[in-house]
Amino acid sequence: MSVACGSAHILALTDYFKLFSWGVGSYGALGFGNTDDVSSPKELQIRYENSFEEIYVIACGKYHSMCLSKKNFIYSWGTG
């Protein structure tokens, strides 16, 4: 398991490649397509074409988040 923290949001990645996000949703930092706050871990699924990506590296900045998939795609959301 790994955890990454922004200024007011958190990403957590389980040993089974499940990604969770929660905290303050400012600038879309949580990755759910809105700016809503989420008070407890909520699963975030990264989709590419017709399947869900397996994520294995995560990182957070002040108001943005990033991850690296098993297929070596980098995904980023929030503000840069």
PDB file of N, CA and C in Angstrom:
ATOM      1  N   MET A   1       0.846  -1.180   0.000  1.00  0.00           N
ATOM      2  CA  MET A   1       0.000   0.000   0.000  1.00  0.00           C
ATOM      3  C   MET A   1       0.886   1.235   0.000  1.00  0.00           C
ATOM      4  N   SER A   2       0.423   2.275  -0.698  1.00  0.00           N
ATOM      5  CA  SER A   2       1.126   3.553  -0.659  1.00  0.00           C
ATOM      6  C   SER A   2       0.110   4.677  -0.509  1.00  0.00           C
ATOM      7  N   VAL A   3       0.583   5.778   0.056  1.00  0.00           N
ATOM      8  CA  VAL A   3      -0.262   6.938   0.326  1.00  0.00           C
ATOM      9  C   VAL A   3       0.477   8.180  -0.153  1.00  0.00           C
ATOM     10  N   ALA A   4      -0.270   9.120  -0.758  1.00  0.00           N
ATOM     11  CA  ALA A   4       0.276  10.409  -1.168  1.00  0.00           C
ATOM     12  C   ALA A   4      -0.670  11.502  -0.675  1.00  0.00           C
ATOM     13  N   CYS A   5      -0.097  12.621  -0.253  1.00  0.00           N
ATOM     14  CA  CYS A   5      -0.905  13.709   0.315  1.00  0.00           C
ATOM     15  C   CYS A   5      -0.647  15.020  -0.401  1.00  0.00           C
ATOM     16  N   GLY A   6      -1.727  15.723  -0.723  1.00  0.00           N
ATOM     17  CA  GLY A   6      -1.655  17.082  -1.224  1.00  0.00           C
ATOM     18  C   GLY A   6      -1.855  18.028  -0.053  1.00  0.00           C
ATOM     19  N   SER A   7      -2.215  19.274  -0.323  1.00  0.00           N
ATOM     20  CA  SER A   7      -2.411  20.223   0.775  1.00  0.00           C
ATOM     21  C   SER A   7      -3.639  19.878   1.604  1.00  0.00           C
ATOM     22  N   ALA A   8      -4.673  19.304   0.978  1.00  0.00           N
ATOM     23  CA  ALA A   8      -5.888  18.956   1.716  1.00  0.00           C
ATOM     24  C   ALA A   8      -6.605  17.759   1.101  1.00  0.00           C
ATOM     25  N   HIS A   9      -5.863  16.915   0.399  1.00  0.00           N
ATOM     26  CA  HIS A   9      -6.451  15.709  -0.170  1.00  0.00           C
ATOM     27  C   HIS A   9      -5.441  14.562  -0.105  1.00  0.00           C
ATOM     28  N   ILE A  10      -5.962  13.345  -0.215  1.00  0.00           N
ATOM     29  CA  ILE A  10      -5.145  12.151  -0.058  1.00  0.00           C
ATOM     30  C   ILE A  10      -5.483  11.145  -1.154  1.00  0.00           C
ATOM     31  N   LEU A  11      -4.459  10.456  -1.649  1.00  0.00           N
ATOM     32  CA  LEU A  11      -4.623   9.288  -2.512  1.00  0.00           C
ATOM     33  C   LEU A  11      -4.046   8.094  -1.763  1.00  0.00           C
ATOM     34  N   ALA A  12      -4.696   6.955  -1.868  1.00  0.00           N
ATOM     35  CA  ALA A  12      -4.177   5.718  -1.293  1.00  0.00           C
ATOM     36  C   ALA A  12      -4.303   4.625  -2.338  1.00  0.00           C
ATOM     37  N   LEU A  13      -3.275   3.822  -2.456  1.00  0.00           N
ATOM     38  CA  LEU A  13      -3.235   2.728  -3.411  1.00  0.00           C
ATOM     39  C   LEU A  13      -3.044   1.429  -2.644  1.00  0.00           C
ATOM     40  N   THR A  14      -3.955   0.477  -2.852  1.00  0.00           N
ATOM     41  CA  THR A  14      -3.863  -0.796  -2.145  1.00  0.00           C
ATOM     42  C   THR A  14      -2.890  -1.730  -2.865  1.00  0.00           C
ATOM     43  N   ASP A  15      -2.573  -2.824  -2.204  1.00  0.00           N
ATOM     44  CA  ASP A  15      -1.701  -3.840  -2.799  1.00  0.00           C
ATOM     45  C   ASP A  15      -2.346  -4.520  -4.000  1.00  0.00           C
ATOM     46  N   TYR A  16      -3.661  -4.333  -4.167  1.00  0.00           N
ATOM     47  CA  TYR A  16      -4.388  -4.952  -5.278  1.00  0.00           C
ATOM     48  C   TYR A  16      -4.755  -3.930  -6.349  1.00  0.00           C
ATOM     49  N   PHE A  17      -3.987  -2.843  -6.421  1.00  0.00           N
ATOM     50  CA  PHE A  17      -4.124  -1.805  -7.440  1.00  0.00           C
ATOM     51  C   PHE A  17      -5.426  -1.029  -7.366  1.00  0.00           C
ATOM     52  N   LYS A  18      -6.088  -1.004  -6.231  1.00  0.00           N
ATOM     53  CA  LYS A  18      -7.286  -0.180  -6.064  1.00  0.00           C
ATOM     54  C   LYS A  18      -6.841   1.188  -5.572  1.00  0.00           C
ATOM     55  N   LEU A  19      -7.377   2.229  -6.211  1.00  0.00           N
ATOM     56  CA  LEU A  19      -7.005   3.602  -5.904  1.00  0.00           C
ATOM     57  C   LEU A  19      -8.163   4.291  -5.192  1.00  0.00           C
ATOM     58  N   PHE A  20      -7.863   4.977  -4.097  1.00  0.00           N
ATOM     59  CA  PHE A  20      -8.867   5.704  -3.325  1.00  0.00           C
ATOM     60  C   PHE A  20      -8.431   7.154  -3.190  1.00  0.00           C
ATOM     61  N   SER A  21      -9.415   8.041  -3.168  1.00  0.00           N
ATOM     62  CA  SER A  21      -9.168   9.473  -3.072  1.00  0.00           C
ATOM     63  C   SER A  21     -10.173  10.085  -2.111  1.00  0.00           C
ATOM     64  N   TRP A  22      -9.723  11.078  -1.306  1.00  0.00           N
ATOM     65  CA  TRP A  22     -10.644  11.799  -0.432  1.00  0.00           C
ATOM     66  C   TRP A  22      -9.982  13.079   0.061  1.00  0.00           C
ATOM     67  N   GLY A  23     -10.826  13.963   0.592  1.00  0.00           N
ATOM     68  CA  GLY A  23     -10.354  15.252   1.101  1.00  0.00           C
ATOM     69  C   GLY A  23     -11.105  16.396   0.446  1.00  0.00           C
ATOM     70  N   VAL A  24     -10.418  17.518   0.313  1.00  0.00           N
ATOM     71  CA  VAL A  24     -10.999  18.722  -0.292  1.00  0.00           C
ATOM     72  C   VAL A  24     -10.888  18.597  -1.810  1.00  0.00           C
ATOM     73  N   GLY A  25     -11.999  18.786  -2.492  1.00  0.00           N
ATOM     74  CA  GLY A  25     -12.046  18.593  -3.934  1.00  0.00           C
ATOM     75  C   GLY A  25     -11.713  19.812  -4.771  1.00  0.00           C
ATOM     76  N   SER A  26     -11.172  20.863  -4.170  1.00  0.00           N
ATOM     77  CA  SER A  26     -10.832  22.085  -4.912  1.00  0.00           C
ATOM     78  C   SER A  26     -10.042  21.775  -6.180  1.00  0.00           C
ATOM     79  N   TYR A  27     -10.402  22.454  -7.257  1.00  0.00           N
ATOM     80  CA  TYR A  27      -9.727  22.342  -8.556  1.00  0.00           C
ATOM     81  C   TYR A  27      -9.810  20.941  -9.165  1.00  0.00           C
ATOM     82  N   GLY A  28     -10.667  20.087  -8.641  1.00  0.00           N
ATOM     83  CA  GLY A  28     -10.798  18.737  -9.173  1.00  0.00           C
ATOM     84  C   GLY A  28      -9.690  17.795  -8.731  1.00  0.00           C
ATOM     85  N   ALA A  29      -9.021  18.125  -7.641  1.00  0.00           N
ATOM     86  CA  ALA A  29      -7.857  17.359  -7.184  1.00  0.00           C
ATOM     87  C   ALA A  29      -8.171  15.907  -6.825  1.00  0.00           C
ATOM     88  N   LEU A  30      -9.435  15.590  -6.565  1.00  0.00           N
ATOM     89  CA  LEU A  30      -9.775  14.218  -6.179  1.00  0.00           C
ATOM     90  C   LEU A  30      -9.970  13.291  -7.370  1.00  0.00           C
ATOM     91  N   GLY A  31     -10.222  13.853  -8.548  1.00  0.00           N
ATOM     92  CA  GLY A  31     -10.332  13.038  -9.752  1.00  0.00           C
ATOM     93  C   GLY A  31     -11.717  12.523 -10.084  1.00  0.00           C
ATOM     94  N   PHE A  32     -12.742  13.049  -9.426  1.00  0.00           N
ATOM     95  CA  PHE A  32     -14.099  12.562  -9.674  1.00  0.00           C
ATOM     96  C   PHE A  32     -14.883  13.434 -10.659  1.00  0.00           C
ATOM     97  N   GLY A  33     -14.223  14.370 -11.312  1.00  0.00           N
ATOM     98  CA  GLY A  33     -14.884  15.195 -12.315  1.00  0.00           C
ATOM     99  C   GLY A  33     -15.681  16.347 -11.747  1.00  0.00           C
ATOM    100  N   ASN A  34     -15.457  16.676 -10.474  1.00  0.00           N
ATOM    101  CA  ASN A  34     -16.149  17.803  -9.856  1.00  0.00           C
ATOM    102  C   ASN A  34     -15.242  18.405  -8.779  1.00  0.00           C
ATOM    103  N   THR A  35     -15.752  19.363  -8.032  1.00  0.00           N
ATOM    104  CA  THR A  35     -14.964  19.987  -6.963  1.00  0.00           C
ATOM    105  C   THR A  35     -15.557  19.689  -5.587  1.00  0.00           C
ATOM    106  N   ASP A  36     -16.364  18.644  -5.505  1.00  0.00           N
ATOM    107  CA  ASP A  36     -16.978  18.263  -4.232  1.00  0.00           C
ATOM    108  C   ASP A  36     -15.936  17.700  -3.268  1.00  0.00           C
ATOM    109  N   ASP A  37     -16.128  17.980  -1.984  1.00  0.00           N
ATOM    110  CA  ASP A  37     -15.298  17.386  -0.942  1.00  0.00           C
ATOM    111  C   ASP A  37     -15.792  15.975  -0.655  1.00  0.00           C
ATOM    112  N   VAL A  38     -14.891  15.090  -0.295  1.00  0.00           N
ATOM    113  CA  VAL A  38     -15.220  13.701   0.037  1.00  0.00           C
ATOM    114  C   VAL A  38     -14.598  13.411   1.394  1.00  0.00           C
ATOM    115  N   SER A  39     -15.420  13.055   2.378  1.00  0.00           N
ATOM    116  CA  SER A  39     -14.937  12.928   3.753  1.00  0.00           C
ATOM    117  C   SER A  39     -14.330  11.575   4.104  1.00  0.00           C
ATOM    118  N   SER A  40     -14.554  10.556   3.301  1.00  0.00           N
ATOM    119  CA  SER A  40     -13.950   9.248   3.571  1.00  0.00           C
ATOM    120  C   SER A  40     -13.482   8.642   2.247  1.00  0.00           C
ATOM    121  N   PRO A  41     -12.565   7.687   2.293  1.00  0.00           N
ATOM    122  CA  PRO A  41     -12.009   7.134   1.055  1.00  0.00           C
ATOM    123  C   PRO A  41     -13.084   6.645   0.084  1.00  0.00           C
ATOM    124  N   LYS A  42     -12.930   7.066  -1.164  1.00  0.00           N
ATOM    125  CA  LYS A  42     -13.850   6.683  -2.231  1.00  0.00           C
ATOM    126  C   LYS A  42     -13.007   6.146  -3.384  1.00  0.00           C
ATOM    127  N   GLU A  43     -13.410   4.993  -3.906  1.00  0.00           N
ATOM    128  CA  GLU A  43     -12.612   4.396  -4.976  1.00  0.00           C
ATOM    129  C   GLU A  43     -12.655   5.251  -6.243  1.00  0.00           C
ATOM    130  N   LEU A  44     -11.489   5.427  -6.830  1.00  0.00           N
ATOM    131  CA  LEU A  44     -11.313   6.177  -8.067  1.00  0.00           C
ATOM    132  C   LEU A  44     -10.812   5.201  -9.118  1.00  0.00           C
ATOM    133  N   GLN A  45     -11.573   5.029 -10.186  1.00  0.00           N
ATOM    134  CA  GLN A  45     -11.174   4.104 -11.237  1.00  0.00           C
ATOM    135  C   GLN A  45     -10.714   4.893 -12.456  1.00  0.00           C
ATOM    136  N   ILE A  46      -9.540   4.549 -12.936  1.00  0.00           N
ATOM    137  CA  ILE A  46      -8.969   5.186 -14.118  1.00  0.00           C
ATOM    138  C   ILE A  46      -9.268   4.285 -15.301  1.00  0.00           C
ATOM    139  N   ARG A  47      -9.938   4.846 -16.290  1.00  0.00           N
ATOM    140  CA  ARG A  47     -10.397   4.059 -17.435  1.00  0.00           C
ATOM    141  C   ARG A  47      -9.629   4.475 -18.691  1.00  0.00           C
ATOM    142  N   TYR A  48      -9.189   3.481 -19.453  1.00  0.00           N
ATOM    143  CA  TYR A  48      -8.561   3.712 -20.755  1.00  0.00           C
ATOM    144  C   TYR A  48      -9.229   2.787 -21.756  1.00  0.00           C
ATOM    145  N   GLU A  49      -9.760   3.370 -22.816  1.00  0.00           N
ATOM    146  CA  GLU A  49     -10.531   2.643 -23.817  1.00  0.00           C
ATOM    147  C   GLU A  49     -11.632   1.846 -23.127  1.00  0.00           C
ATOM    148  N   ASN A  50     -11.635   0.527 -23.211  1.00  0.00           N
ATOM    149  CA  ASN A  50     -12.735  -0.258 -22.651  1.00  0.00           C
ATOM    150  C   ASN A  50     -12.382  -0.999 -21.367  1.00  0.00           C
ATOM    151  N   SER A  51     -11.299  -0.608 -20.722  1.00  0.00           N
ATOM    152  CA  SER A  51     -10.914  -1.319 -19.503  1.00  0.00           C
ATOM    153  C   SER A  51     -10.391  -0.347 -18.444  1.00  0.00           C
ATOM    154  N   PHE A  52     -10.339  -0.836 -17.229  1.00  0.00           N
ATOM    155  CA  PHE A  52      -9.816  -0.029 -16.131  1.00  0.00           C
ATOM    156  C   PHE A  52      -8.315  -0.268 -16.015  1.00  0.00           C
ATOM    157  N   GLU A  53      -7.585   0.796 -15.760  1.00  0.00           N
ATOM    158  CA  GLU A  53      -6.138   0.719 -15.624  1.00  0.00           C
ATOM    159  C   GLU A  53      -5.749   0.198 -14.246  1.00  0.00           C
ATOM    160  N   GLU A  54      -4.655  -0.549 -14.192  1.00  0.00           N
ATOM    161  CA  GLU A  54      -4.055  -0.915 -12.922  1.00  0.00           C
ATOM    162  C   GLU A  54      -3.014   0.151 -12.612  1.00  0.00           C
ATOM    163  N   ILE A  55      -3.181   0.815 -11.505  1.00  0.00           N
ATOM    164  CA  ILE A  55      -2.300   1.904 -11.100  1.00  0.00           C
ATOM    165  C   ILE A  55      -1.267   1.346 -10.134  1.00  0.00           C
ATOM    166  N   TYR A  56       0.007   1.774 -10.290  1.00  0.00           N
ATOM    167  CA  TYR A  56       0.989   1.279  -9.342  1.00  0.00           C
ATOM    168  C   TYR A  56       1.895   2.346  -8.747  1.00  0.00           C
ATOM    169  N   VAL A  57       1.775   3.604  -9.187  1.00  0.00           N
ATOM    170  CA  VAL A  57       2.507   4.711  -8.557  1.00  0.00           C
ATOM    171  C   VAL A  57       1.550   5.892  -8.445  1.00  0.00           C
ATOM    172  N   ILE A  58       1.548   6.573  -7.288  1.00  0.00           N
ATOM    173  CA  ILE A  58       0.688   7.742  -7.085  1.00  0.00           C
ATOM    174  C   ILE A  58       1.509   8.897  -6.537  1.00  0.00           C
ATOM    175  N   ALA A  59       1.026  10.119  -6.792  1.00  0.00           N
ATOM    176  CA  ALA A  59       1.674  11.321  -6.267  1.00  0.00           C
ATOM    177  C   ALA A  59       0.636  12.434  -6.176  1.00  0.00           C
ATOM    178  N   CYS A  60       0.834  13.329  -5.227  1.00  0.00           N
ATOM    179  CA  CYS A  60      -0.040  14.492  -5.069  1.00  0.00           C
ATOM    180  C   CYS A  60       0.796  15.757  -4.992  1.00  0.00           C
ATOM    181  N   GLY A  61       0.259  16.824  -5.584  1.00  0.00           N
ATOM    182  CA  GLY A  61       0.808  18.153  -5.405  1.00  0.00           C
ATOM    183  C   GLY A  61      -0.160  18.932  -4.536  1.00  0.00           C
ATOM    184  N   LYS A  62       0.010  20.225  -4.499  1.00  0.00           N
ATOM    185  CA  LYS A  62      -0.849  21.047  -3.647  1.00  0.00           C
ATOM    186  C   LYS A  62      -2.322  20.887  -4.008  1.00  0.00           C
ATOM    187  N   TYR A  63      -2.668  21.049  -5.296  1.00  0.00           N
ATOM    188  CA  TYR A  63      -4.055  20.937  -5.751  1.00  0.00           C
ATOM    189  C   TYR A  63      -4.206  20.009  -6.945  1.00  0.00           C
ATOM    190  N   HIS A  64      -3.299  19.070  -7.116  1.00  0.00           N
ATOM    191  CA  HIS A  64      -3.406  18.130  -8.226  1.00  0.00           C
ATOM    192  C   HIS A  64      -2.921  16.756  -7.788  1.00  0.00           C
ATOM    193  N   SER A  65      -3.248  15.758  -8.598  1.00  0.00           N
ATOM    194  CA  SER A  65      -2.842  14.381  -8.329  1.00  0.00           C
ATOM    195  C   SER A  65      -2.370  13.753  -9.633  1.00  0.00           C
ATOM    196  N   MET A  66      -1.515  12.754  -9.497  1.00  0.00           N
ATOM    197  CA  MET A  66      -0.999  12.045 -10.666  1.00  0.00           C
ATOM    198  C   MET A  66      -0.854  10.572 -10.336  1.00  0.00           C
ATOM    199  N   CYS A  67      -0.887   9.751 -11.369  1.00  0.00           N
ATOM    200  CA  CYS A  67      -0.625   8.336 -11.170  1.00  0.00           C
ATOM    201  C   CYS A  67      -0.007   7.756 -12.437  1.00  0.00           C
ATOM    202  N   LEU A  68       0.649   6.632 -12.253  1.00  0.00           N
ATOM    203  CA  LEU A  68       1.271   5.910 -13.350  1.00  0.00           C
ATOM    204  C   LEU A  68       0.641   4.530 -13.415  1.00  0.00           C
ATOM    205  N   SER A  69       0.194   4.152 -14.613  1.00  0.00           N
ATOM    206  CA  SER A  69      -0.464   2.852 -14.769  1.00  0.00           C
ATOM    207  C   SER A  69       0.557   1.769 -15.106  1.00  0.00           C
ATOM    208  N   LYS A  70       0.109   0.553 -14.989  1.00  0.00           N
ATOM    209  CA  LYS A  70       0.945  -0.599 -15.312  1.00  0.00           C
ATOM    210  C   LYS A  70       1.351  -0.588 -16.785  1.00  0.00           C
ATOM    211  N   LYS A  71       0.542   0.073 -17.630  1.00  0.00           N
ATOM    212  CA  LYS A  71       0.845   0.180 -19.064  1.00  0.00           C
ATOM    213  C   LYS A  71       1.751   1.384 -19.360  1.00  0.00           C
ATOM    214  N   ASN A  72       2.256   2.027 -18.298  1.00  0.00           N
ATOM    215  CA  ASN A  72       3.147   3.190 -18.384  1.00  0.00           C
ATOM    216  C   ASN A  72       2.470   4.445 -18.933  1.00  0.00           C
ATOM    217  N   PHE A  73       1.174   4.600 -18.683  1.00  0.00           N
ATOM    218  CA  PHE A  73       0.473   5.844 -18.978  1.00  0.00           C
ATOM    219  C   PHE A  73       0.476   6.704 -17.717  1.00  0.00           C
ATOM    220  N   ILE A  74       0.690   7.988 -17.882  1.00  0.00           N
ATOM    221  CA  ILE A  74       0.628   8.929 -16.762  1.00  0.00           C
ATOM    222  C   ILE A  74      -0.704   9.657 -16.837  1.00  0.00           C
ATOM    223  N   TYR A  75      -1.403   9.711 -15.725  1.00  0.00           N
ATOM    224  CA  TYR A  75      -2.675  10.426 -15.633  1.00  0.00           C
ATOM    225  C   TYR A  75      -2.524  11.539 -14.607  1.00  0.00           C
ATOM    226  N   SER A  76      -3.111  12.692 -14.906  1.00  0.00           N
ATOM    227  CA  SER A  76      -3.031  13.843 -14.012  1.00  0.00           C
ATOM    228  C   SER A  76      -4.366  14.550 -13.999  1.00  0.00           C
ATOM    229  N   TRP A  77      -4.735  15.085 -12.822  1.00  0.00           N
ATOM    230  CA  TRP A  77      -5.978  15.838 -12.707  1.00  0.00           C
ATOM    231  C   TRP A  77      -5.823  16.877 -11.622  1.00  0.00           C
ATOM    232  N   GLY A  78      -6.719  17.859 -11.634  1.00  0.00           N
ATOM    233  CA  GLY A  78      -6.614  19.002 -10.731  1.00  0.00           C
ATOM    234  C   GLY A  78      -5.945  20.156 -11.446  1.00  0.00           C
ATOM    235  N   THR A  79      -5.350  21.060 -10.691  1.00  0.00           N
ATOM    236  CA  THR A  79      -4.673  22.206 -11.292  1.00  0.00           C
ATOM    237  C   THR A  79      -3.166  22.014 -11.227  1.00  0.00           C
ATOM    238  N   GLY A  80      -2.487  22.462 -12.262  1.00  0.00           N
ATOM    239  CA  GLY A  80      -1.034  22.301 -12.326  1.00  0.00           C
ATOM    240  C   GLY A  80      -0.328  23.381 -11.608  1.00  0.00           C
TER     241      GLY A  80
END
